[in-house]
């Protein structure tokens, strides 16, 4: 094996090691839901602007668990977890009219889905029927 090939293999090994290290750091410090009983609120904003507020009492660590315990959402499993299609009995159909449910916290769109959104006592979320 020549020197160039050895350098290439060493660089590849270093890259793999760096990726594993970063994955380990992320796993160690990723957001986790609080353990134990908590109360959260979920505002459901419908297409006409009507808002239905729900107070959920849960031991779930993530938002999906709390929403499903309350029977508030239904959806389909996707590559990133639950794709919410129905909230509070109202279905959004992307294929029919480009509608979907937007998940926000304090009015700010979340970068995580319901599966990966940790919850803590007192949190407030919104699910807004959105078109387009």
N, C-alpha and C. Protein backbone atom coordinates (compact mmCIF):
# COMPACT_ATOMS: atom_id res chain seq x y z
N UNK A 1 0.86 -1.17 0.00
CA UNK A 1 0.00 0.00 0.00
C UNK A 1 0.90 1.23 0.00
N UNK A 2 0.61 2.18 -0.86
CA UNK A 2 1.44 3.37 -0.94
C UNK A 2 1.02 4.42 0.10
N UNK A 3 1.81 5.48 0.22
CA UNK A 3 1.57 6.51 1.24
C UNK A 3 0.23 7.22 1.03
N UNK A 4 -0.14 7.47 -0.21
CA UNK A 4 -1.39 8.17 -0.51
C UNK A 4 -2.59 7.35 -0.04
N UNK A 5 -2.57 6.06 -0.29
CA UNK A 5 -3.66 5.18 0.14
C UNK A 5 -3.75 5.15 1.66
N UNK A 6 -2.61 5.08 2.35
CA UNK A 6 -2.61 5.06 3.82
C UNK A 6 -3.20 6.36 4.37
N UNK A 7 -2.84 7.49 3.77
CA UNK A 7 -3.37 8.78 4.22
C UNK A 7 -4.89 8.84 4.01
N UNK A 8 -5.34 8.29 2.90
CA UNK A 8 -6.79 8.27 2.63
C UNK A 8 -7.54 7.44 3.67
N UNK A 9 -7.00 6.27 4.01
CA UNK A 9 -7.64 5.42 5.01
C UNK A 9 -7.60 6.07 6.39
N UNK A 10 -6.52 6.72 6.72
CA UNK A 10 -6.43 7.42 8.00
C UNK A 10 -7.43 8.57 8.07
N UNK A 11 -7.58 9.30 6.98
CA UNK A 11 -8.54 10.40 6.94
C UNK A 11 -9.97 9.87 7.09
N UNK A 12 -10.27 8.77 6.43
CA UNK A 12 -11.59 8.16 6.54
C UNK A 12 -11.85 7.70 7.97
N UNK A 13 -10.87 7.06 8.59
CA UNK A 13 -11.02 6.60 9.97
C UNK A 13 -11.25 7.79 10.91
N UNK A 14 -10.52 8.88 10.69
CA UNK A 14 -10.69 10.07 11.52
C UNK A 14 -12.09 10.66 11.35
N UNK A 15 -12.59 10.66 10.13
CA UNK A 15 -13.93 11.18 9.85
C UNK A 15 -15.00 10.34 10.55
N UNK A 16 -14.87 9.03 10.47
CA UNK A 16 -15.83 8.13 11.13
C UNK A 16 -15.78 8.33 12.64
N UNK A 17 -14.60 8.44 13.20
CA UNK A 17 -14.45 8.66 14.64
C UNK A 17 -15.09 9.98 15.05
N UNK A 18 -14.88 11.03 14.27
CA UNK A 18 -15.48 12.33 14.58
C UNK A 18 -17.00 12.26 14.53
N UNK A 19 -17.55 11.54 13.55
CA UNK A 19 -19.00 11.40 13.44
C UNK A 19 -19.56 10.65 14.65
N UNK A 20 -18.89 9.61 15.07
CA UNK A 20 -19.34 8.86 16.24
C UNK A 20 -19.27 9.71 17.51
N UNK A 21 -18.23 10.49 17.63
CA UNK A 21 -18.08 11.37 18.78
C UNK A 21 -19.20 12.41 18.82
N UNK A 22 -19.51 13.03 17.68
CA UNK A 22 -20.59 14.00 17.62
C UNK A 22 -21.94 13.37 17.93
N UNK A 23 -22.18 12.17 17.44
CA UNK A 23 -23.43 11.47 17.73
C UNK A 23 -23.54 11.20 19.23
N UNK A 24 -22.45 10.80 19.84
CA UNK A 24 -22.45 10.55 21.29
C UNK A 24 -22.72 11.81 22.09
N UNK A 25 -22.14 12.93 21.68
CA UNK A 25 -22.37 14.20 22.37
C UNK A 25 -23.84 14.61 22.22
N UNK A 26 -24.39 14.47 21.02
CA UNK A 26 -25.80 14.81 20.81
C UNK A 26 -26.69 13.96 21.69
N UNK A 27 -26.45 12.65 21.71
CA UNK A 27 -27.27 11.75 22.51
C UNK A 27 -27.19 12.11 24.00
N UNK A 28 -26.01 12.46 24.47
CA UNK A 28 -25.82 12.79 25.88
C UNK A 28 -26.55 14.08 26.27
N UNK A 29 -26.63 15.04 25.35
CA UNK A 29 -27.19 16.34 25.69
C UNK A 29 -28.51 16.67 25.01
N UNK A 30 -29.11 15.70 24.28
CA UNK A 30 -30.36 15.99 23.58
C UNK A 30 -31.47 16.29 24.59
N UNK A 31 -32.46 17.11 24.19
CA UNK A 31 -33.54 17.46 25.11
C UNK A 31 -34.34 16.23 25.50
N UNK A 32 -34.65 16.16 26.76
CA UNK A 32 -35.46 15.05 27.26
C UNK A 32 -36.63 15.64 28.04
N UNK A 33 -37.74 14.95 28.00
CA UNK A 33 -38.90 15.41 28.76
C UNK A 33 -38.70 15.17 30.24
N UNK A 34 -39.40 15.97 31.01
CA UNK A 34 -39.33 15.83 32.46
C UNK A 34 -40.10 14.59 32.91
N UNK A 35 -39.57 13.91 33.90
CA UNK A 35 -40.25 12.73 34.45
C UNK A 35 -41.35 13.17 35.39
N UNK A 36 -42.40 12.35 35.51
CA UNK A 36 -43.45 12.62 36.48
C UNK A 36 -44.64 13.37 35.91
N UNK A 37 -45.59 13.65 36.82
CA UNK A 37 -46.83 14.29 36.44
C UNK A 37 -46.60 15.74 36.03
N UNK A 38 -47.31 16.15 35.00
CA UNK A 38 -47.22 17.53 34.53
C UNK A 38 -48.53 17.92 33.86
N UNK A 39 -48.74 19.21 33.76
CA UNK A 39 -49.91 19.75 33.10
C UNK A 39 -49.43 20.66 31.98
N UNK A 40 -49.95 20.43 30.77
CA UNK A 40 -49.62 21.28 29.62
C UNK A 40 -50.92 21.74 28.98
N UNK A 41 -50.82 22.79 28.18
CA UNK A 41 -51.99 23.24 27.44
C UNK A 41 -51.70 23.13 25.95
N UNK A 42 -52.73 22.80 25.20
CA UNK A 42 -52.64 22.70 23.75
C UNK A 42 -53.81 23.48 23.17
N UNK A 43 -53.49 24.51 22.39
CA UNK A 43 -54.51 25.29 21.71
C UNK A 43 -54.64 24.73 20.29
N UNK A 44 -55.85 24.39 19.91
CA UNK A 44 -56.12 23.92 18.56
C UNK A 44 -56.79 25.06 17.80
N UNK A 45 -56.10 25.55 16.76
CA UNK A 45 -56.62 26.68 15.98
C UNK A 45 -57.12 26.13 14.64
N UNK A 46 -58.42 26.27 14.42
CA UNK A 46 -59.05 25.72 13.22
C UNK A 46 -58.94 26.69 12.05
N UNK A 47 -59.34 26.23 10.88
CA UNK A 47 -59.22 27.02 9.64
C UNK A 47 -59.94 28.36 9.73
N UNK A 48 -61.06 28.41 10.44
CA UNK A 48 -61.82 29.67 10.54
C UNK A 48 -61.32 30.57 11.66
N UNK A 49 -60.23 30.17 12.32
CA UNK A 49 -59.67 30.98 13.40
C UNK A 49 -60.18 30.62 14.78
N UNK A 50 -61.20 29.76 14.84
CA UNK A 50 -61.71 29.32 16.12
C UNK A 50 -60.61 28.58 16.88
N UNK A 51 -60.53 28.84 18.19
CA UNK A 51 -59.50 28.19 19.00
C UNK A 51 -60.15 27.38 20.11
N UNK A 52 -59.75 26.11 20.20
CA UNK A 52 -60.19 25.23 21.27
C UNK A 52 -58.99 24.94 22.17
N UNK A 53 -59.07 25.32 23.44
CA UNK A 53 -57.97 25.09 24.37
C UNK A 53 -58.19 23.80 25.14
N UNK A 54 -57.12 23.03 25.25
CA UNK A 54 -57.16 21.75 25.98
C UNK A 54 -56.08 21.76 27.06
N UNK A 55 -56.46 21.37 28.25
CA UNK A 55 -55.51 21.20 29.35
C UNK A 55 -55.28 19.71 29.51
N UNK A 56 -54.03 19.29 29.36
CA UNK A 56 -53.69 17.87 29.44
C UNK A 56 -52.88 17.60 30.70
N UNK A 57 -53.27 16.55 31.41
CA UNK A 57 -52.53 16.09 32.59
C UNK A 57 -51.87 14.78 32.19
N UNK A 58 -50.57 14.68 32.30
CA UNK A 58 -49.86 13.53 31.75
C UNK A 58 -48.58 13.22 32.51
N UNK A 59 -48.13 11.99 32.36
CA UNK A 59 -46.81 11.56 32.82
C UNK A 59 -45.89 11.35 31.63
N UNK A 60 -46.39 11.60 30.42
CA UNK A 60 -45.60 11.37 29.21
C UNK A 60 -44.38 12.30 29.19
N UNK A 61 -43.31 11.82 28.57
CA UNK A 61 -42.08 12.61 28.47
C UNK A 61 -42.06 13.46 27.21
N UNK A 62 -42.86 13.05 26.18
CA UNK A 62 -42.85 13.80 24.93
C UNK A 62 -44.28 14.20 24.54
N UNK A 63 -44.37 15.14 23.63
CA UNK A 63 -45.67 15.69 23.24
C UNK A 63 -46.57 14.64 22.61
N UNK A 64 -46.00 13.78 21.79
CA UNK A 64 -46.84 12.76 21.14
C UNK A 64 -47.57 11.92 22.18
N UNK A 65 -46.84 11.48 23.20
CA UNK A 65 -47.47 10.66 24.24
C UNK A 65 -48.64 11.37 24.90
N UNK A 66 -48.47 12.65 25.21
CA UNK A 66 -49.53 13.41 25.86
C UNK A 66 -50.72 13.60 24.93
N UNK A 67 -50.47 13.91 23.66
CA UNK A 67 -51.55 14.12 22.70
C UNK A 67 -52.34 12.84 22.46
N UNK A 68 -51.64 11.71 22.34
CA UNK A 68 -52.32 10.44 22.11
C UNK A 68 -53.08 9.97 23.35
N UNK A 69 -52.51 10.17 24.54
CA UNK A 69 -53.22 9.81 25.77
C UNK A 69 -54.57 10.53 25.85
N UNK A 70 -54.58 11.78 25.44
CA UNK A 70 -55.80 12.59 25.50
C UNK A 70 -56.75 12.31 24.34
N UNK A 71 -56.31 11.50 23.36
CA UNK A 71 -57.13 11.23 22.19
C UNK A 71 -57.32 12.45 21.31
N UNK A 72 -56.37 13.37 21.37
CA UNK A 72 -56.49 14.64 20.66
C UNK A 72 -56.02 14.57 19.21
N UNK A 73 -55.11 13.62 18.90
CA UNK A 73 -54.55 13.54 17.55
C UNK A 73 -54.61 12.14 16.98
N UNK A 74 -54.59 12.09 15.66
CA UNK A 74 -54.43 10.84 14.91
C UNK A 74 -53.48 11.16 13.77
N UNK A 75 -52.86 10.14 13.24
CA UNK A 75 -51.96 10.39 12.12
C UNK A 75 -51.39 9.12 11.56
N UNK A 76 -50.33 9.30 10.78
CA UNK A 76 -49.66 8.19 10.12
C UNK A 76 -48.20 8.17 10.54
N UNK A 77 -47.67 6.97 10.67
CA UNK A 77 -46.24 6.85 10.98
C UNK A 77 -45.44 7.22 9.74
N UNK A 78 -44.43 8.03 9.92
CA UNK A 78 -43.56 8.43 8.83
C UNK A 78 -42.11 8.25 9.23
N UNK A 79 -41.24 8.69 8.39
CA UNK A 79 -39.80 8.55 8.64
C UNK A 79 -39.37 9.31 9.89
N UNK A 80 -40.10 10.36 10.26
CA UNK A 80 -39.73 11.19 11.41
C UNK A 80 -40.71 11.04 12.56
N UNK A 81 -41.47 9.95 12.57
CA UNK A 81 -42.44 9.74 13.64
C UNK A 81 -43.85 9.99 13.15
N UNK A 82 -44.70 10.41 14.08
CA UNK A 82 -46.11 10.62 13.77
C UNK A 82 -46.31 11.85 12.89
N UNK A 83 -46.93 11.66 11.73
CA UNK A 83 -47.37 12.77 10.88
C UNK A 83 -48.82 13.01 11.25
N UNK A 84 -49.09 14.12 11.95
CA UNK A 84 -50.42 14.40 12.47
C UNK A 84 -51.34 14.81 11.32
N UNK A 85 -52.44 14.07 11.17
CA UNK A 85 -53.42 14.37 10.13
C UNK A 85 -54.73 14.88 10.69
N UNK A 86 -55.07 14.45 11.91
CA UNK A 86 -56.34 14.82 12.51
C UNK A 86 -56.10 15.34 13.92
N UNK A 87 -56.67 16.50 14.21
CA UNK A 87 -56.58 17.10 15.54
C UNK A 87 -57.98 17.48 15.98
N UNK A 88 -58.36 17.03 17.17
CA UNK A 88 -59.66 17.40 17.74
C UNK A 88 -60.80 17.08 16.77
N UNK A 89 -60.64 15.98 16.01
CA UNK A 89 -61.67 15.53 15.08
C UNK A 89 -61.65 16.20 13.72
N UNK A 90 -60.71 17.12 13.48
CA UNK A 90 -60.64 17.82 12.20
C UNK A 90 -59.43 17.30 11.43
N UNK A 91 -59.67 16.85 10.20
CA UNK A 91 -58.61 16.27 9.38
C UNK A 91 -58.09 17.28 8.37
N UNK A 92 -56.77 17.37 8.29
CA UNK A 92 -56.11 18.17 7.26
C UNK A 92 -55.59 17.19 6.21
N UNK A 93 -55.84 17.49 4.94
CA UNK A 93 -55.46 16.57 3.86
C UNK A 93 -54.59 17.31 2.84
N UNK A 94 -53.30 17.11 2.95
CA UNK A 94 -52.34 17.77 2.06
C UNK A 94 -52.64 17.48 0.60
N UNK A 95 -52.96 16.22 0.30
CA UNK A 95 -53.21 15.83 -1.09
C UNK A 95 -54.45 16.51 -1.67
N UNK A 96 -55.44 16.78 -0.85
CA UNK A 96 -56.68 17.38 -1.35
C UNK A 96 -56.58 18.89 -1.53
N UNK A 97 -56.04 19.58 -0.52
CA UNK A 97 -56.03 21.04 -0.60
C UNK A 97 -54.77 21.70 -0.03
N UNK A 98 -53.74 20.91 0.23
CA UNK A 98 -52.49 21.46 0.75
C UNK A 98 -52.55 21.83 2.22
N UNK A 99 -53.50 21.25 2.96
CA UNK A 99 -53.63 21.58 4.38
C UNK A 99 -52.81 20.62 5.24
N UNK A 100 -52.36 21.15 6.40
CA UNK A 100 -51.57 20.37 7.34
C UNK A 100 -51.67 21.03 8.71
N UNK A 101 -51.23 20.31 9.73
CA UNK A 101 -51.25 20.82 11.10
C UNK A 101 -49.87 21.34 11.47
N UNK A 102 -49.78 22.62 11.80
CA UNK A 102 -48.52 23.26 12.17
C UNK A 102 -48.38 23.21 13.70
N UNK A 103 -47.28 22.67 14.17
CA UNK A 103 -47.01 22.54 15.60
C UNK A 103 -46.10 23.67 16.05
N UNK A 104 -46.57 24.46 17.02
CA UNK A 104 -45.79 25.58 17.53
C UNK A 104 -45.79 25.57 19.05
N UNK A 105 -44.85 26.28 19.61
CA UNK A 105 -44.77 26.48 21.06
C UNK A 105 -44.53 27.97 21.27
N UNK A 106 -45.46 28.62 21.95
CA UNK A 106 -45.35 30.06 22.15
C UNK A 106 -45.37 30.83 20.84
N UNK A 107 -46.04 30.28 19.82
CA UNK A 107 -46.13 30.94 18.53
C UNK A 107 -44.95 30.69 17.61
N UNK A 108 -43.94 29.99 18.08
CA UNK A 108 -42.76 29.71 17.27
C UNK A 108 -42.81 28.27 16.76
N UNK A 109 -42.62 28.10 15.45
CA UNK A 109 -42.64 26.76 14.87
C UNK A 109 -41.51 25.93 15.47
N UNK A 110 -41.82 24.68 15.81
CA UNK A 110 -40.83 23.79 16.39
C UNK A 110 -39.98 23.13 15.31
N UNK A 111 -38.76 22.82 15.66
CA UNK A 111 -37.85 22.12 14.73
C UNK A 111 -37.94 20.62 14.92
N UNK A 112 -38.79 20.18 15.83
CA UNK A 112 -38.97 18.75 16.08
C UNK A 112 -40.44 18.41 15.88
N UNK A 113 -40.70 17.13 15.63
CA UNK A 113 -42.07 16.66 15.55
C UNK A 113 -42.57 16.32 16.94
N UNK A 114 -43.81 15.90 17.02
CA UNK A 114 -44.41 15.57 18.32
C UNK A 114 -43.64 14.47 19.04
N UNK A 115 -43.08 13.52 18.29
CA UNK A 115 -42.33 12.41 18.90
C UNK A 115 -41.10 12.90 19.66
N UNK A 116 -40.43 13.90 19.11
CA UNK A 116 -39.15 14.36 19.64
C UNK A 116 -39.25 15.67 20.41
N UNK A 117 -40.45 16.11 20.74
CA UNK A 117 -40.63 17.34 21.49
C UNK A 117 -40.83 17.00 22.97
N UNK A 118 -39.82 17.30 23.80
CA UNK A 118 -39.96 17.02 25.22
C UNK A 118 -40.95 18.00 25.85
N UNK A 119 -41.62 17.57 26.90
CA UNK A 119 -42.56 18.46 27.58
C UNK A 119 -42.18 18.60 29.05
N UNK A 120 -42.53 19.74 29.59
CA UNK A 120 -42.33 20.02 31.01
C UNK A 120 -43.59 20.65 31.56
N UNK A 121 -43.76 20.60 32.85
CA UNK A 121 -44.94 21.15 33.49
C UNK A 121 -45.10 22.62 33.11
N UNK A 122 -46.31 22.98 32.69
CA UNK A 122 -46.61 24.36 32.34
C UNK A 122 -46.40 24.73 30.89
N UNK A 123 -45.87 23.82 30.07
CA UNK A 123 -45.66 24.12 28.66
C UNK A 123 -46.98 24.40 27.96
N UNK A 124 -46.92 25.23 26.92
CA UNK A 124 -48.10 25.55 26.10
C UNK A 124 -47.74 25.38 24.63
N UNK A 125 -48.54 24.62 23.91
CA UNK A 125 -48.32 24.33 22.50
C UNK A 125 -49.55 24.74 21.71
N UNK A 126 -49.35 24.90 20.39
CA UNK A 126 -50.44 25.18 19.49
C UNK A 126 -50.39 24.23 18.30
N UNK A 127 -51.54 23.77 17.88
CA UNK A 127 -51.69 23.00 16.64
C UNK A 127 -52.64 23.82 15.76
N UNK A 128 -52.10 24.33 14.66
CA UNK A 128 -52.85 25.24 13.81
C UNK A 128 -53.10 24.62 12.44
N UNK A 129 -54.38 24.61 12.05
CA UNK A 129 -54.74 24.14 10.71
C UNK A 129 -54.20 25.15 9.71
N UNK A 130 -53.34 24.65 8.80
CA UNK A 130 -52.63 25.54 7.88
C UNK A 130 -52.84 25.05 6.45
N UNK A 131 -53.02 25.98 5.54
CA UNK A 131 -53.13 25.63 4.13
C UNK A 131 -51.96 26.25 3.39
N UNK A 132 -51.28 25.38 2.61
CA UNK A 132 -50.16 25.87 1.82
C UNK A 132 -48.82 25.72 2.47
